[in-house]
Protein backbone atom coordinates (compact mmCIF):
# COMPACT_ATOMS: atom_id res chain seq x y z
CA UNK A 1 162.26 49.71 141.69
CA UNK A 2 164.22 51.61 139.06
CA UNK A 3 161.49 51.22 136.37
CA UNK A 4 157.81 51.82 135.78
CA UNK A 5 156.24 49.51 133.17
CA UNK A 6 153.17 50.89 131.43
CA UNK A 7 150.80 48.89 129.25
CA UNK A 8 149.64 50.22 125.87
CA UNK A 9 146.58 49.76 123.70
CA UNK A 10 148.27 46.72 122.11
CA UNK A 11 148.92 43.63 124.20
CA UNK A 12 152.61 42.95 124.75
CA UNK A 13 153.94 46.41 123.85
CA UNK A 14 155.15 48.26 126.94
CA UNK A 15 156.45 51.71 127.72
CA UNK A 16 159.26 51.66 130.26
CA UNK A 17 160.12 54.69 132.38
CA UNK A 18 163.42 54.56 134.26
CA UNK A 19 164.04 56.17 137.61
CA UNK A 20 166.71 58.87 137.43
CA UNK A 21 169.19 59.25 140.25
CA UNK A 22 170.52 62.82 140.20
CA UNK A 23 173.11 64.63 142.26
CA UNK A 24 175.70 67.38 141.79
CA UNK A 25 177.65 65.21 139.34
CA UNK A 26 174.75 64.62 136.96
CA UNK A 27 172.32 61.73 136.52
CA UNK A 28 172.29 57.96 136.38
CA UNK A 29 169.61 55.49 135.34
CA UNK A 30 169.38 51.82 134.48
CA UNK A 31 168.38 50.71 130.98
CA UNK A 32 167.89 47.01 131.63
CA UNK A 33 167.58 44.82 134.71
CA UNK A 34 166.72 41.22 133.92
CA UNK A 35 164.85 40.48 137.15
CA UNK A 36 162.51 43.45 136.78
CA UNK A 37 161.88 42.81 133.11
CA UNK A 38 160.99 39.18 133.91
CA UNK A 39 158.59 40.32 136.65
CA UNK A 40 156.87 42.55 134.09
CA UNK A 41 156.36 39.96 131.37
CA UNK A 42 159.46 40.54 129.27
CA UNK A 43 161.18 37.13 129.53
CA UNK A 44 163.91 37.60 126.95
CA UNK A 45 167.64 37.71 126.82
CA UNK A 46 169.12 39.97 124.20
CA UNK A 47 171.36 38.71 121.39
CA UNK A 48 172.43 41.95 119.70
CA UNK A 49 172.60 45.68 120.37
CA UNK A 50 172.42 48.21 117.54
CA UNK A 51 172.91 51.97 117.41
CA UNK A 52 171.73 54.17 114.58
CA UNK A 53 172.46 57.86 114.13
CA UNK A 54 169.91 59.68 112.00
CA UNK A 55 169.60 63.17 110.65
CA UNK A 56 166.40 65.11 111.26
CA UNK A 57 163.39 63.76 109.29
CA UNK A 58 165.06 60.44 108.50
CA UNK A 59 162.51 57.65 108.73
CA UNK A 60 163.76 54.11 109.28
CA UNK A 61 161.24 51.31 108.82
CA UNK A 62 158.91 49.69 109.06
CA UNK A 63 161.16 46.65 109.63
CA UNK A 64 160.66 43.16 111.01
CA UNK A 65 162.23 39.71 110.74
CA UNK A 66 160.40 36.44 110.12
CA UNK A 67 160.89 33.16 112.00
CA UNK A 68 163.21 31.68 113.03
CA UNK A 69 164.85 35.11 113.44
CA UNK A 70 161.82 37.15 114.56
CA UNK A 71 162.97 39.90 116.91
CA UNK A 72 161.70 41.50 120.06
CA UNK A 73 163.22 44.96 120.55
CA UNK A 74 163.96 47.24 123.48
CA UNK A 75 164.31 50.72 121.98
CA UNK A 76 165.65 53.88 123.63
CA UNK A 77 167.27 57.15 122.59
CA UNK A 78 170.79 58.08 123.65
CA UNK A 79 170.76 61.54 122.04
CA UNK A 80 167.92 63.52 120.50
CA UNK A 81 164.28 62.59 120.02
CA UNK A 82 162.28 60.21 117.81
CA UNK A 83 158.70 59.32 116.96
CA UNK A 84 158.67 55.55 117.42
CA UNK A 85 156.07 53.14 116.00
CA UNK A 86 155.20 49.45 116.49
CA UNK A 87 152.67 47.81 114.13
CA UNK A 88 151.00 44.55 115.17
CA UNK A 89 151.57 41.84 112.52
CA UNK A 90 150.33 38.92 114.63
CA UNK A 91 147.73 37.33 112.36
CA UNK A 92 145.36 36.15 115.11
CA UNK A 93 145.69 39.28 117.23
CA UNK A 94 142.60 41.45 117.80
CA UNK A 95 144.86 44.45 117.11
CA UNK A 96 146.35 43.10 113.86
CA UNK A 97 147.31 46.05 111.62
CA UNK A 98 146.99 48.57 114.47
CA UNK A 99 149.90 50.57 115.82
CA UNK A 100 151.28 52.17 118.96
CA UNK A 101 153.38 55.33 118.77
CA UNK A 102 155.40 57.28 121.30
CA UNK A 103 157.96 60.05 121.35
CA UNK A 104 161.17 58.71 122.87
CA UNK A 105 163.85 61.14 124.00
CA UNK A 106 167.27 61.04 125.61
CA UNK A 107 166.11 63.68 128.07
CA UNK A 108 163.26 61.52 129.40
CA UNK A 109 165.08 58.19 129.04
CA UNK A 110 161.78 56.49 128.20
CA UNK A 111 161.87 53.18 126.33
CA UNK A 112 159.53 50.92 124.40
CA UNK A 113 159.45 47.12 124.45
CA UNK A 114 158.22 45.65 121.14
CA UNK A 115 157.72 41.87 121.16
CA UNK A 116 158.19 39.53 118.22
CA UNK A 117 155.49 39.79 115.59
CA UNK A 118 155.64 43.57 115.12
CA UNK A 119 157.00 45.89 112.46
CA UNK A 120 159.07 48.73 113.91
CA UNK A 121 160.06 52.11 112.61
CA UNK A 122 160.95 55.59 113.76
CA UNK A 123 161.27 59.17 112.56
CA UNK A 124 164.20 61.25 113.81
CA UNK A 125 162.83 64.53 115.17
CA UNK A 126 166.22 66.11 115.83
CA UNK A 127 169.53 66.27 114.03
CA UNK A 128 171.76 63.27 114.77
CA UNK A 129 169.30 61.41 116.98
CA UNK A 130 171.09 58.37 118.35
CA UNK A 131 168.88 55.32 118.87
CA UNK A 132 169.88 52.09 120.58
CA UNK A 133 167.90 48.90 120.35
CA UNK A 134 168.56 45.55 121.91
CA UNK A 135 167.16 42.59 119.96
CA UNK A 136 166.21 39.07 120.98
CA UNK A 137 167.62 37.57 117.75
CA UNK A 138 170.61 38.49 115.67
CA UNK A 139 170.16 40.42 112.45
CA UNK A 140 169.56 38.09 109.51
CA UNK A 141 169.30 39.85 106.12
CA UNK A 142 167.54 36.89 104.47
CA UNK A 143 164.81 37.00 107.15
CA UNK A 144 164.30 40.76 107.10
CA UNK A 145 161.06 42.17 105.70
CA UNK A 146 159.25 45.48 105.79
CA UNK A 147 156.00 47.36 105.42
CA UNK A 148 155.78 50.73 103.65
CA UNK A 149 155.83 53.57 106.18
CA UNK A 150 152.76 55.38 104.82
CA UNK A 151 150.45 52.39 104.24
CA UNK A 152 146.92 53.89 104.26
CA UNK A 153 145.51 50.66 105.74
CA UNK A 154 147.63 51.20 108.86
CA UNK A 155 147.19 54.99 108.90
CA UNK A 156 150.15 56.03 111.02
CA UNK A 157 149.92 59.71 111.89
CA UNK A 158 153.57 60.65 111.40
CA UNK A 159 154.46 64.15 112.68
CA UNK A 160 156.25 64.89 109.38
CA UNK A 161 155.27 63.95 105.82
CA UNK A 162 158.47 65.04 104.05
CA UNK A 163 160.77 62.29 105.22
CA UNK A 164 164.12 60.93 104.11
CA UNK A 165 163.99 57.19 103.34
CA UNK A 166 166.51 54.62 102.21
CA UNK A 167 165.96 53.18 98.74
CA UNK A 168 165.02 49.83 100.29
CA UNK A 169 162.53 51.28 102.78
CA UNK A 170 160.81 53.31 100.06
CA UNK A 171 159.92 50.12 98.16
CA UNK A 172 158.45 48.01 100.96
CA UNK A 173 154.99 46.56 100.21
CA UNK A 174 151.73 47.43 101.89
CA UNK A 175 150.52 45.26 104.76
CA UNK A 176 147.80 43.73 102.55
CA UNK A 177 150.48 42.45 100.15
CA UNK A 178 152.66 40.70 102.75
CA UNK A 179 152.94 36.97 103.33
CA UNK A 180 152.76 36.89 107.12
CA UNK A 181 152.68 33.14 107.73
CA UNK A 182 156.23 33.17 109.10
CA UNK A 183 155.88 36.18 111.42
CA UNK A 184 153.80 34.51 114.16
CA UNK A 185 155.46 36.34 117.05
CA UNK A 186 154.81 35.56 120.66
CA UNK A 187 152.87 37.98 122.83
């Protein structure tokens, strides 16, 4: 099998480690293989792929989309390194408001699967980190929402406090101020 799927402290979020095949020419690894993802509880087909390039200390997030455009995301780094975060917004979840974080890097090729019902964000830890994410729904600006990155109720331990944010991301509300009735993601 070209992948190892690891569970996390939050149900549904998975860390995916690819198997590298290396020879004198370099390395090769698979990013996605439908049959293996299905066997490991990720029964989605992807509708859109995005790539962002971020300078060091740029923080993007915490973003999510509400129904009917809620998104699951498969996130990996093509160049550089990021601190990646998924916050559980599923109202009836025992881990509501909790988060999982991981350092993703191009060198390791590690990935994170974030199901619907989560806010997602990341901090670029290197100059020009290139992040790719495949989503289960297309981007819909009218369904996009966010949570402020430094919400004390969530308490994310970011590795850097002096971050660069977009104007929009800097004005997201706290989790306590969100109307979450339309998030209702699947596990």
